[in-house]
Amino acid sequence: MINKQITTLLDRFDGGITSQLRSRKQKECSLVANFDIFSDANRLLPHRDLDSDTFKIGESYTAANAKLCRYLAATNAGQTGTLLYGLGVVTGQDYAKIFKRDLPNGAWEVVHPADAQDTVDRDENVFIEYKNVIYGWSRVDGTNARIWSFALTTGTFTTSARTSAALNAADVAHGGVVQGLVHSKDDILYLPYNTVNGSFIVKYNAGTTTWTDVAITLPSNQIITSICEYGNYLAIAVKPRIAGGQSIVYLWDRDASLTTLSEKINWGNEELQIIEEINGSLIGVSTLSAGIYTGSITGYRMLIKQWGGGLTGTTIIREILLTDTIVIKGEQKANNLLYFMAFTQIRDVYYHAIFTFGISSSGVWGLTIDRVISTGTVVTVPTLKGFTVIGDKLYIAYINGIIWTIKRTAASALWDSLDAIYETLVINDGDSSLTKKLIGAEVMFEPLPAAGSVKLEYKINEAIETTVWTEVFDFDTDDAISHGAINIEDTGITLPEYKEIMFRITSNGNAKITSFKYKSEIIGKTLF
């Protein structure tokens, strides 16, 4: 008989989510949601609640009929401050209409009173400001695609800011149009689009009022999915048009007089969805669908790769195994982090959420579910639309069933409606063949605020494969800095024997977690 007692302390949280559930890297976890892990490696800091966003009293538009789907921050008409603009629709139509609100806590209103601003449907993928003008696309269907504009200084909506045969061919069935950018090196607007015959980038120089509809042409077997700045270059992410093809990132020096690209980076056989520069490296988010492999049930994956230059190729930083498909809708770089909106299933739980990837204050790459929009074991699917991050504020748009919904980070200091969750890796105390007895477990935290509470749960052995947890305690004493238990507090039942165990810590009411420890005793026998 072995009677060895082990005390284990967890006080690093910045590694984020991994699918290597039996990894020995204690800074990683099986799940973290609604916590900030990047600001402080030794604390789990809860995010504030999300509140329903509102329209001004007397405004004829509501979330239901405005149908906001994209956001951007820009100056107001007088160039004296910053407003948040939203891409909505004309009541009863899907024509583009522009809305605005004050930051951080204003209410939405129509920018311009005229209601008939366009006569064809908006495209929901592009909404960008360039030199006090907002640009977007209408009807990307391969026959009538065109670029509209809205001047912030005059309130003038121009339905055909740019139209041409090349742009007219943009087709949603072959990749559609992609959110563009204004490159800081040349102050020029770049807008990618895809057609049945190939993929291209529009280049617009407002200084010379020059449009170049085909500034660069990509190979016809590829679809542009994302672009970003990379030093002096424009990084262009493409995915293959056929299953099993190669995703690639091209580096382009933005010289439209040349037909060649500066660099080609092979990214793998998955579908590259997002490219962004974080901390000097190119970071790519890719998806792999089981649907293209007959009979496969384990092929759904999300991969996050890094390229830091040179000839060494890409490095996988995270490979997250999924139990259902993944849909990514929109991305943004903010606070030196990559945010992206996604719907997927991780270990049989569906998440509609904002994911965050980046590097912590201690220099560790990590992935989190930054904000959960909805979660569950069955598909009750919100349709994700768009979001933006401005400082510490988040604004989200989605359809909840059939109801258009807009939310924002709570204006006041509230942490009640969103549970922040941290789930450990699978713990075996060094050997899964041995039986252990859990003697006690304790969570440490900063002094609990008046509304703060901390819950501790576990699951063991075969139950690790399920979504069912057993509660140890749910503690809410004001100003306490830790709480532990040597049995199930509600019933007095002893803590379990196990071979493998996982713990889940749930924070509510702004309980800031600083560490977790547990004590176990090895009671099993070894065969050799």
Protein backbone atom coordinates (compact mmCIF):
# COMPACT_ATOMS: atom_id res chain seq x y z
CA MET A 1 0.00 0.00 0.00
CA ILE A 2 1.25 3.46 -0.90
CA ASN A 3 0.41 6.24 1.55
CA LYS A 4 2.01 9.28 -0.02
CA GLN A 5 0.33 12.66 0.36
CA ILE A 6 0.72 15.34 -2.32
CA THR A 7 -0.16 19.04 -2.14
CA THR A 8 -0.44 20.77 -5.52
CA LEU A 9 -0.63 24.53 -6.03
CA LEU A 10 -1.86 26.21 -9.24
CA ASP A 11 -0.98 29.91 -9.45
CA ARG A 12 -0.24 30.49 -13.16
CA PHE A 13 -3.13 30.96 -15.55
CA ASP A 14 -1.75 32.66 -18.67
CA GLY A 15 -1.30 29.57 -20.89
CA GLY A 16 -4.97 29.50 -21.80
CA ILE A 17 -6.94 26.72 -23.47
CA THR A 18 -5.32 23.56 -24.80
CA SER A 19 -6.67 20.25 -26.11
CA GLN A 20 -3.73 18.38 -24.60
CA LEU A 21 -5.77 17.65 -21.50
CA ARG A 22 -3.04 15.65 -19.78
CA SER A 23 -0.30 18.18 -20.41
CA ARG A 24 2.09 18.87 -17.51
CA LYS A 25 2.05 22.61 -18.30
CA GLN A 26 0.07 23.82 -15.30
CA LYS A 27 -0.32 27.33 -16.67
CA GLU A 28 -2.60 25.85 -19.37
CA CYS A 29 -6.18 24.70 -18.88
CA SER A 30 -8.98 22.82 -20.56
CA LEU A 31 -11.22 25.91 -20.59
CA VAL A 32 -11.20 29.52 -19.49
CA ALA A 33 -14.12 31.84 -20.23
CA ASN A 34 -15.03 35.44 -19.29
CA PHE A 35 -11.68 35.91 -17.52
CA ASP A 36 -8.77 38.16 -18.52
CA ILE A 37 -5.61 36.01 -18.35
CA PHE A 38 -3.31 38.40 -20.24
CA SER A 39 -2.99 41.32 -17.84
CA ASP A 40 -1.62 39.30 -14.91
CA ALA A 41 -0.28 35.75 -15.18
CA ASN A 42 -1.07 35.06 -11.51
CA ARG A 43 -4.66 36.26 -11.40
CA LEU A 44 -7.91 35.43 -13.14
CA LEU A 45 -9.66 38.78 -13.61
CA PRO A 46 -13.40 38.59 -14.45
CA HIS A 47 -14.78 40.65 -17.32
CA ARG A 48 -17.75 42.92 -16.64
CA ASP A 49 -21.27 41.94 -17.63
CA LEU A 50 -22.80 42.48 -21.05
CA ASP A 51 -25.90 44.72 -21.12
CA SER A 52 -28.48 45.17 -23.85
CA ASP A 53 -27.55 48.13 -26.03
CA THR A 54 -30.24 50.77 -26.62
CA PHE A 55 -31.58 53.33 -29.08
CA LYS A 56 -32.43 56.91 -28.14
CA ILE A 57 -35.87 57.60 -26.73
CA GLY A 58 -38.13 58.65 -29.60
CA GLU A 59 -35.92 57.01 -32.24
CA SER A 60 -38.05 54.98 -34.67
CA TYR A 61 -35.36 52.34 -34.99
CA THR A 62 -34.74 49.49 -32.56
CA ALA A 63 -32.32 46.59 -32.47
CA ALA A 64 -34.95 44.51 -34.28
CA ASN A 65 -35.39 46.75 -37.32
CA ALA A 66 -31.99 48.46 -37.49
CA LYS A 67 -30.23 45.06 -37.76
CA LEU A 68 -26.76 46.32 -36.85
CA CYS A 69 -24.07 43.93 -38.05
CA ARG A 70 -20.76 45.85 -38.10
CA TYR A 71 -19.12 48.59 -36.02
CA LEU A 72 -16.30 51.10 -36.33
CA ALA A 73 -15.00 54.05 -34.33
CA ALA A 74 -14.39 57.36 -36.13
CA THR A 75 -14.56 61.10 -35.57
CA ASN A 76 -17.81 62.98 -35.48
CA ALA A 77 -18.82 65.50 -38.13
CA GLY A 78 -17.16 68.37 -36.27
CA GLN A 79 -13.88 66.48 -35.84
CA THR A 80 -14.08 67.07 -32.08
CA GLY A 81 -14.51 63.57 -30.69
CA THR A 82 -14.99 59.88 -31.36
CA LEU A 83 -18.27 58.17 -32.14
CA LEU A 84 -19.18 54.54 -32.69
CA TYR A 85 -20.82 53.92 -36.06
CA GLY A 86 -22.93 50.91 -36.94
CA LEU A 87 -23.91 49.34 -40.26
CA GLY A 88 -27.65 48.80 -40.20
CA VAL A 89 -30.54 48.72 -42.66
CA VAL A 90 -33.47 50.82 -43.78
CA THR A 91 -36.64 49.68 -41.99
CA GLY A 92 -38.19 46.70 -43.74
CA GLN A 93 -35.32 46.42 -46.22
CA ASP A 94 -31.73 45.16 -46.26
CA TYR A 95 -30.40 48.40 -47.76
CA ALA A 96 -27.39 49.90 -46.00
CA LYS A 97 -28.08 52.59 -43.41
CA ILE A 98 -25.62 54.23 -41.00
CA PHE A 99 -26.20 54.68 -37.27
CA LYS A 100 -24.10 56.33 -34.57
CA ARG A 101 -23.77 56.59 -30.80
CA ASP A 102 -21.58 58.46 -28.32
CA LEU A 103 -18.76 56.63 -26.56
CA PRO A 104 -18.67 55.02 -24.17
CA ASN A 105 -22.26 54.98 -22.95
CA GLY A 106 -24.51 56.74 -25.43
CA ALA A 107 -27.57 55.42 -27.26
CA TRP A 108 -27.96 54.65 -30.97
CA GLU A 109 -29.57 57.02 -33.47
CA VAL A 110 -29.78 57.45 -37.22
CA VAL A 111 -26.86 59.49 -38.56
CA HIS A 112 -28.91 61.11 -41.29
CA PRO A 113 -32.71 61.46 -41.31
CA ALA A 114 -33.16 60.45 -44.95
CA ASP A 115 -34.45 56.87 -44.98
CA ALA A 116 -33.91 55.79 -48.60
CA GLN A 117 -30.12 55.81 -48.71
CA ASP A 118 -29.65 52.81 -50.99
CA THR A 119 -31.72 50.67 -53.30
CA VAL A 120 -29.91 47.32 -53.14
CA ASP A 121 -29.01 45.06 -50.23
CA ARG A 122 -25.92 45.65 -48.12
CA ASP A 123 -23.04 43.23 -47.76
CA GLU A 124 -22.32 42.54 -44.08
CA ASN A 125 -18.58 41.85 -44.34
CA VAL A 126 -17.08 45.28 -45.03
CA PHE A 127 -17.46 48.48 -43.00
CA ILE A 128 -14.39 50.72 -42.93
CA GLU A 129 -13.53 54.40 -42.46
CA TYR A 130 -10.94 56.20 -44.60
CA LYS A 131 -10.32 59.95 -44.39
CA ASN A 132 -13.70 60.76 -42.80
CA VAL A 133 -15.63 58.58 -45.25
CA ILE A 134 -17.16 55.17 -44.46
CA TYR A 135 -17.06 52.57 -47.24
CA GLY A 136 -18.98 49.33 -47.72
CA TRP A 137 -20.29 47.01 -50.43
CA SER A 138 -23.76 46.33 -51.78
CA ARG A 139 -25.18 43.17 -53.35
CA VAL A 140 -22.16 40.92 -53.71
CA ASP A 141 -23.79 38.36 -56.00
CA GLY A 142 -21.60 38.34 -59.10
CA THR A 143 -23.83 40.69 -61.06
CA ASN A 144 -24.27 43.96 -59.16
CA ALA A 145 -21.43 44.31 -56.65
CA ARG A 146 -20.35 47.87 -55.98
CA ILE A 147 -18.84 50.10 -53.31
CA TRP A 148 -20.91 52.76 -51.51
CA SER A 149 -19.66 55.61 -49.31
CA PHE A 150 -20.93 57.79 -46.50
CA ALA A 151 -19.17 61.11 -45.80
CA LEU A 152 -19.03 61.79 -42.06
CA THR A 153 -18.49 65.54 -42.47
CA THR A 154 -21.49 66.15 -44.76
CA GLY A 155 -23.80 63.19 -44.10
CA THR A 156 -23.86 62.38 -47.81
CA PHE A 157 -24.57 58.78 -48.79
CA THR A 158 -23.28 57.84 -52.27
CA THR A 159 -24.71 54.59 -53.56
CA SER A 160 -22.03 54.09 -56.23
CA ALA A 161 -18.78 55.47 -54.90
CA ARG A 162 -17.05 52.97 -57.16
CA THR A 163 -18.45 50.57 -59.69
CA SER A 164 -16.72 48.75 -62.54
CA ALA A 165 -16.85 45.48 -64.43
CA ALA A 166 -14.08 44.09 -62.21
CA LEU A 167 -15.87 44.94 -58.97
CA ASN A 168 -19.20 43.90 -60.41
CA ALA A 169 -17.92 40.32 -60.58
CA ALA A 170 -17.43 40.00 -56.79
CA ASP A 171 -19.43 36.94 -55.81
CA VAL A 172 -20.38 35.67 -52.35
CA ALA A 173 -20.54 32.11 -53.71
CA HIS A 174 -16.80 32.25 -54.33
CA GLY A 175 -15.62 34.05 -51.21
CA GLY A 176 -17.33 37.42 -51.58
CA VAL A 177 -15.69 40.56 -50.21
CA VAL A 178 -13.37 40.83 -47.23
CA GLN A 179 -12.86 43.56 -44.62
CA GLY A 180 -10.13 45.89 -45.81
CA LEU A 181 -7.62 48.19 -44.16
CA VAL A 182 -5.86 51.52 -44.54
CA HIS A 183 -2.13 50.79 -44.56
CA SER A 184 -0.21 53.06 -42.20
CA LYS A 185 2.80 53.15 -44.53
CA ASP A 186 1.04 54.83 -47.46
CA ASP A 187 -2.38 55.90 -46.07
CA ILE A 188 -4.15 54.04 -48.88
CA LEU A 189 -7.31 51.92 -48.64
CA TYR A 190 -7.12 48.24 -49.68
CA LEU A 191 -10.29 46.15 -50.19
CA PRO A 192 -10.08 42.44 -51.15
CA TYR A 193 -12.75 40.71 -53.22
CA ASN A 194 -13.25 37.27 -54.78
CA THR A 195 -14.94 36.26 -58.04
CA VAL A 196 -15.60 33.01 -59.86
CA ASN A 197 -12.42 33.60 -61.88
CA GLY A 198 -10.00 34.73 -59.19
CA SER A 199 -9.21 36.97 -56.24
CA PHE A 200 -8.14 40.62 -56.32
CA ILE A 201 -7.54 43.74 -54.23
CA VAL A 202 -8.94 47.22 -54.87
CA LYS A 203 -6.58 50.09 -54.09
CA TYR A 204 -7.94 53.59 -53.46
CA ASN A 205 -5.77 56.66 -52.89
CA ALA A 206 -8.01 59.46 -51.60
CA GLY A 207 -5.17 61.93 -51.96
CA THR A 208 -5.25 61.56 -55.75
CA THR A 209 -8.84 60.21 -55.92
CA THR A 210 -7.43 57.24 -57.82
CA TRP A 211 -9.13 53.84 -57.81
CA THR A 212 -7.19 50.81 -59.02
CA ASP A 213 -9.78 48.06 -59.27
CA VAL A 214 -7.26 45.25 -59.83
CA ALA A 215 -4.17 46.35 -57.91
CA ILE A 216 -2.97 42.76 -57.49
CA THR A 217 -4.26 39.43 -58.80
CA LEU A 218 -4.04 36.22 -56.77
CA PRO A 219 -4.01 32.72 -58.30
CA SER A 220 -7.45 31.63 -59.52
CA ASN A 221 -7.52 28.53 -57.29
CA GLN A 222 -7.41 30.60 -54.10
CA ILE A 223 -9.85 32.72 -52.06
CA ILE A 224 -8.76 35.76 -50.04
CA THR A 225 -10.00 35.44 -46.45
CA SER A 226 -8.12 38.13 -44.50
CA ILE A 227 -5.48 40.85 -44.79
CA CYS A 228 -3.30 42.72 -42.31
CA GLU A 229 -0.28 44.98 -42.09
CA TYR A 230 3.11 43.31 -41.69
CA GLY A 231 5.74 46.01 -41.51
CA ASN A 232 5.90 47.68 -44.93
CA TYR A 233 3.97 44.80 -46.48
CA LEU A 234 0.35 43.86 -46.87
CA ALA A 235 -0.10 40.26 -45.70
CA ILE A 236 -2.79 38.47 -47.71
CA ALA A 237 -4.25 35.20 -46.39
CA VAL A 238 -5.83 32.82 -48.89
CA LYS A 239 -7.50 29.44 -48.57
CA PRO A 240 -7.83 26.83 -51.33
CA ARG A 241 -10.95 26.59 -53.47
CA ILE A 242 -10.76 22.80 -53.35
CA ALA A 243 -10.59 20.44 -50.36
CA GLY A 244 -7.06 19.42 -49.47
CA GLY A 245 -5.44 22.40 -51.16
CA GLN A 246 -2.85 24.69 -49.63
CA SER A 247 -3.53 27.81 -47.59
CA ILE A 248 -0.95 30.53 -48.21
CA VAL A 249 0.01 33.95 -46.90
CA TYR A 250 1.45 36.34 -49.48
CA LEU A 251 3.45 39.42 -48.60
CA TRP A 252 2.85 42.26 -51.06
CA ASP A 253 4.83 45.50 -51.18
CA ARG A 254 1.68 47.33 -52.39
CA ASP A 255 3.22 48.25 -55.75
CA ALA A 256 0.32 47.97 -58.22
CA SER A 257 2.66 48.43 -61.19
CA LEU A 258 4.11 44.96 -60.56
CA THR A 259 2.30 41.64 -60.97
CA THR A 260 4.60 39.75 -58.61
CA LEU A 261 4.35 39.22 -54.86
CA SER A 262 7.27 39.67 -52.47
CA GLU A 263 6.94 36.50 -50.40
CA LYS A 264 4.90 33.29 -50.28
CA ILE A 265 4.40 31.47 -46.96
CA ASN A 266 2.87 27.99 -47.06
CA TRP A 267 0.38 27.76 -44.19
CA GLY A 268 -0.84 24.15 -44.42
CA ASN A 269 -3.75 22.16 -45.80
CA GLU A 270 -6.34 23.55 -43.44
CA GLU A 271 -8.47 26.59 -44.34
CA LEU A 272 -6.78 29.81 -43.20
CA GLN A 273 -9.48 32.21 -41.96
CA ILE A 274 -7.61 35.04 -40.18
CA ILE A 275 -4.18 36.62 -40.46
CA GLU A 276 -2.89 39.29 -38.08
CA GLU A 277 0.40 40.66 -36.79
CA ILE A 278 0.80 40.23 -33.04
CA ASN A 279 4.06 41.07 -31.26
CA GLY A 280 6.03 41.12 -34.50
CA SER A 281 4.81 37.71 -35.72
CA LEU A 282 2.14 36.77 -38.20
CA ILE A 283 -0.58 34.82 -36.40
CA GLY A 284 -3.02 32.76 -38.44
CA VAL A 285 -6.26 31.10 -37.32
CA SER A 286 -7.25 28.12 -39.46
CA THR A 287 -10.09 25.61 -39.43
CA LEU A 288 -10.23 21.99 -40.48
CA SER A 289 -13.60 20.44 -41.20
CA ALA A 290 -14.35 16.75 -40.77
CA GLY A 291 -16.98 17.07 -43.47
CA ILE A 292 -14.46 16.73 -46.28
CA TYR A 293 -13.28 13.35 -45.02
CA THR A 294 -15.83 10.55 -45.42
CA GLY A 295 -16.64 8.90 -42.10
CA SER A 296 -14.38 11.15 -40.07
CA ILE A 297 -15.69 12.22 -36.66
CA THR A 298 -12.48 13.67 -35.21
CA GLY A 299 -11.37 15.99 -37.95
CA TYR A 300 -12.81 19.28 -36.67
CA ARG A 301 -9.96 21.48 -35.47
CA MET A 302 -8.96 25.06 -34.90
CA LEU A 303 -5.27 25.73 -35.44
CA ILE A 304 -3.36 28.84 -34.45
CA LYS A 305 0.03 29.17 -36.14
CA GLN A 306 2.88 31.65 -35.94
CA TRP A 307 5.34 32.85 -38.60
CA GLY A 308 8.18 35.06 -37.47
CA GLY A 309 10.04 35.49 -40.74
CA GLY A 310 12.85 33.53 -42.34
CA LEU A 311 12.73 30.09 -43.92
CA THR A 312 11.73 27.99 -40.91
CA GLY A 313 8.04 27.88 -41.82
CA THR A 314 5.08 28.16 -39.48
CA THR A 315 4.83 26.87 -35.92
CA ILE A 316 1.64 25.51 -34.38
CA ILE A 317 0.98 27.34 -31.09
CA ARG A 318 -2.45 25.84 -30.42
CA GLU A 319 -4.41 23.00 -32.00
CA ILE A 320 -7.87 22.81 -30.45
CA LEU A 321 -9.82 19.62 -31.10
CA LEU A 322 -13.50 20.29 -31.69
CA THR A 323 -16.51 18.02 -31.50
CA ASP A 324 -18.46 19.96 -34.11
CA THR A 325 -17.82 22.42 -36.88
CA ILE A 326 -16.45 25.93 -36.38
CA VAL A 327 -17.70 29.14 -37.97
CA ILE A 328 -15.59 32.30 -37.63
CA LYS A 329 -17.26 35.68 -38.16
CA GLY A 330 -15.08 38.77 -37.93
CA GLU A 331 -11.79 39.63 -36.25
CA GLN A 332 -10.00 42.62 -34.76
CA LYS A 333 -6.60 43.45 -33.36
CA ALA A 334 -6.92 45.49 -30.17
CA ASN A 335 -4.79 45.91 -27.06
CA ASN A 336 -2.13 43.81 -28.87
CA LEU A 337 -4.52 40.86 -28.82
CA LEU A 338 -6.38 39.10 -31.62
CA TYR A 339 -10.14 38.93 -31.07
CA PHE A 340 -12.41 36.82 -33.26
CA MET A 341 -16.06 35.84 -33.14
CA ALA A 342 -16.77 32.11 -33.50
CA PHE A 343 -19.34 29.36 -33.05
CA THR A 344 -18.06 25.86 -32.26
CA GLN A 345 -18.31 22.89 -29.93
CA ILE A 346 -15.51 22.04 -27.48
CA ARG A 347 -15.81 18.76 -25.59
CA ASP A 348 -19.53 18.49 -26.39
CA VAL A 349 -20.42 22.02 -25.24
CA TYR A 350 -21.44 24.59 -27.85
CA TYR A 351 -20.01 28.09 -27.57
CA HIS A 352 -21.08 31.25 -29.38
CA ALA A 353 -18.37 33.58 -28.20
CA ILE A 354 -15.60 36.11 -28.70
CA PHE A 355 -12.27 34.27 -28.57
CA THR A 356 -9.00 36.03 -27.74
CA PHE A 357 -5.44 35.03 -28.59
CA GLY A 358 -2.29 36.85 -27.63
CA ILE A 359 0.76 37.03 -25.44
CA SER A 360 0.53 37.63 -21.69
CA SER A 361 2.44 40.11 -19.56
CA SER A 362 4.89 37.30 -18.77
CA GLY A 363 5.51 36.46 -22.45
CA VAL A 364 3.31 33.35 -22.82
CA TRP A 365 0.95 32.78 -25.77
CA GLY A 366 -2.58 31.98 -24.67
CA LEU A 367 -6.10 31.38 -26.02
CA THR A 368 -9.28 32.22 -24.11
CA ILE A 369 -13.01 32.46 -24.61
CA ASP A 370 -13.09 36.15 -23.84
CA ARG A 371 -16.88 36.59 -23.71
CA VAL A 372 -19.53 33.88 -23.94
CA ILE A 373 -22.61 34.95 -25.88
CA SER A 374 -24.41 31.64 -25.33
CA THR A 375 -23.45 28.11 -24.38
CA GLY A 376 -25.08 24.70 -24.00
CA THR A 377 -25.07 21.04 -24.90
CA VAL A 378 -27.66 21.48 -27.65
CA VAL A 379 -27.55 23.84 -30.60
CA THR A 380 -29.65 26.90 -29.82
CA VAL A 381 -27.90 28.91 -32.45
CA PRO A 382 -27.46 32.66 -32.37
CA THR A 383 -26.27 33.87 -35.75
CA LEU A 384 -23.07 35.80 -35.16
CA LYS A 385 -22.89 39.16 -36.93
CA GLY A 386 -20.11 41.43 -35.71
CA PHE A 387 -18.30 43.09 -32.83
CA THR A 388 -15.72 45.71 -31.95
CA VAL A 389 -13.38 46.28 -29.02
CA ILE A 390 -12.66 49.85 -27.93
CA GLY A 391 -10.41 50.07 -24.90
CA ASP A 392 -12.04 47.89 -22.28
CA LYS A 393 -15.46 48.05 -23.97
CA LEU A 394 -16.96 45.34 -26.17
CA TYR A 395 -19.92 45.83 -28.53
CA ILE A 396 -21.59 42.75 -30.06
CA ALA A 397 -24.30 42.12 -32.67
CA TYR A 398 -26.00 38.76 -33.29
CA ILE A 399 -29.37 37.17 -34.02
CA ASN A 400 -30.80 35.26 -31.05
CA GLY A 401 -33.10 32.79 -32.77
CA ILE A 402 -34.92 35.30 -34.99
CA ILE A 403 -34.34 38.36 -32.77
CA TRP A 404 -31.62 40.84 -33.72
CA THR A 405 -29.66 41.59 -30.57
CA ILE A 406 -27.01 44.16 -29.68
CA LYS A 407 -25.03 44.14 -26.44
CA ARG A 408 -22.19 46.08 -24.87
CA THR A 409 -19.94 45.91 -21.85
CA ALA A 410 -21.92 47.16 -18.86
CA ALA A 411 -21.58 50.88 -18.24
CA SER A 412 -21.52 50.36 -14.47
CA ALA A 413 -19.30 48.01 -12.49
CA LEU A 414 -21.43 44.85 -12.68
CA TRP A 415 -20.27 41.23 -12.71
CA ASP A 416 -23.49 39.37 -11.93
CA SER A 417 -24.93 38.02 -15.18
CA LEU A 418 -21.82 36.31 -16.55
CA ASP A 419 -20.11 33.48 -14.71
CA ALA A 420 -16.37 33.43 -15.27
CA ILE A 421 -15.11 29.85 -15.51
CA TYR A 422 -11.73 28.14 -15.25
CA GLU A 423 -11.39 24.38 -15.80
CA THR A 424 -8.11 22.65 -15.03
CA LEU A 425 -6.39 20.03 -17.12
CA VAL A 426 -6.92 16.35 -16.31
CA ILE A 427 -4.85 15.75 -13.17
CA ASN A 428 -3.45 12.31 -12.30
CA ASP A 429 -0.82 13.22 -9.68
CA GLY A 430 1.83 11.61 -11.85
CA ASP A 431 0.22 8.22 -12.55
CA SER A 432 -3.29 7.46 -13.86
CA SER A 433 -3.01 3.81 -12.81
CA LEU A 434 -2.99 4.64 -9.10
CA THR A 435 -6.03 5.39 -6.98
CA LYS A 436 -5.89 8.61 -4.99
CA LYS A 437 -8.07 10.07 -2.22
CA LEU A 438 -8.89 13.79 -2.40
CA ILE A 439 -8.23 15.09 1.12
CA GLY A 440 -9.10 18.75 0.60
CA ALA A 441 -9.22 21.61 -1.90
CA GLU A 442 -9.02 25.37 -1.49
CA VAL A 443 -9.43 28.42 -3.72
CA MET A 444 -7.59 31.67 -2.93
CA PHE A 445 -8.84 35.06 -4.10
CA GLU A 446 -8.63 38.75 -3.45
CA PRO A 447 -11.00 39.94 -0.69
CA LEU A 448 -14.48 39.03 -1.88
CA PRO A 449 -16.66 42.06 -2.70
CA ALA A 450 -20.21 42.25 -1.37
CA ALA A 451 -21.69 40.45 -4.37
CA GLY A 452 -18.74 38.11 -4.93
CA SER A 453 -18.90 34.33 -4.85
CA VAL A 454 -16.61 31.42 -5.73
CA LYS A 455 -17.76 27.91 -6.59
CA LEU A 456 -15.54 24.81 -6.77
CA GLU A 457 -16.57 21.63 -8.59
CA TYR A 458 -14.91 18.43 -9.80
CA LYS A 459 -15.42 15.42 -12.02
CA ILE A 460 -13.43 12.18 -12.01
CA ASN A 461 -12.46 9.16 -14.09
CA GLU A 462 -15.08 8.25 -16.73
CA ALA A 463 -17.17 11.34 -15.80
CA ILE A 464 -14.39 13.51 -17.24
CA GLU A 465 -15.83 12.69 -20.67
CA THR A 466 -19.23 14.11 -19.66
CA THR A 467 -20.49 17.63 -18.93
CA VAL A 468 -21.63 16.78 -15.37
CA TRP A 469 -19.79 18.35 -12.41
CA THR A 470 -20.08 17.74 -8.65
CA GLU A 471 -20.12 20.82 -6.41
CA VAL A 472 -17.71 20.97 -3.46
CA PHE A 473 -18.69 24.44 -2.23
CA ASP A 474 -20.26 27.74 -3.26
CA PHE A 475 -18.78 30.46 -1.03
CA ASP A 476 -19.71 34.14 -0.71
CA THR A 477 -18.48 35.58 2.62
CA ASP A 478 -17.54 39.24 2.18
CA ASP A 479 -13.84 40.14 2.49
CA ALA A 480 -12.66 36.53 2.78
CA ILE A 481 -9.47 35.73 0.86
CA SER A 482 -9.74 31.93 0.63
CA HIS A 483 -12.05 29.02 1.19
CA GLY A 484 -11.42 25.30 1.35
CA ALA A 485 -13.28 22.10 2.10
CA ILE A 486 -12.55 18.54 3.22
CA ASN A 487 -15.97 17.24 2.18
CA ILE A 488 -18.99 18.19 0.05
CA GLU A 489 -20.26 21.16 2.04
CA ASP A 490 -23.97 20.84 1.27
CA THR A 491 -24.19 17.16 2.25
CA GLY A 492 -21.11 16.35 4.31
CA ILE A 493 -20.28 13.51 1.92
CA THR A 494 -16.58 12.72 1.80
CA LEU A 495 -14.46 13.86 -1.13
CA PRO A 496 -13.92 11.22 -3.81
CA GLU A 497 -11.33 8.61 -4.59
CA TYR A 498 -10.09 8.91 -8.14
CA LYS A 499 -7.47 8.01 -10.69
CA GLU A 500 -7.93 11.19 -12.72
CA ILE A 501 -9.67 14.41 -11.69
CA MET A 502 -10.58 17.82 -13.12
CA PHE A 503 -11.57 20.92 -11.16
CA ARG A 504 -13.75 23.85 -12.20
CA ILE A 505 -13.67 27.26 -10.50
CA THR A 506 -16.59 29.62 -11.13
CA SER A 507 -16.36 33.31 -10.22
CA ASN A 508 -19.33 35.64 -9.94
CA GLY A 509 -19.65 39.21 -8.71
CA ASN A 510 -16.03 40.15 -9.53
CA ALA A 511 -14.28 37.48 -7.47
CA LYS A 512 -10.62 37.67 -8.56
CA ILE A 513 -8.95 34.26 -8.35
CA THR A 514 -5.28 34.21 -7.28
CA SER A 515 -4.51 30.50 -6.81
CA PHE A 516 -5.91 27.03 -6.17
CA LYS A 517 -4.51 24.12 -4.21
CA TYR A 518 -5.59 20.61 -3.35
CA LYS A 519 -4.19 17.77 -1.26
CA SER A 520 -4.42 14.10 -2.19
CA GLU A 521 -3.16 10.80 -0.87
CA ILE A 522 -2.08 7.92 -3.07
CA ILE A 523 -3.87 4.83 -1.73
CA GLY A 524 -3.65 2.46 -4.67
CA LYS A 525 -1.25 -0.39 -5.34
CA THR A 526 1.12 -0.73 -8.27
CA LEU A 527 1.54 -3.94 -10.23
CA PHE A 528 5.28 -3.44 -10.51
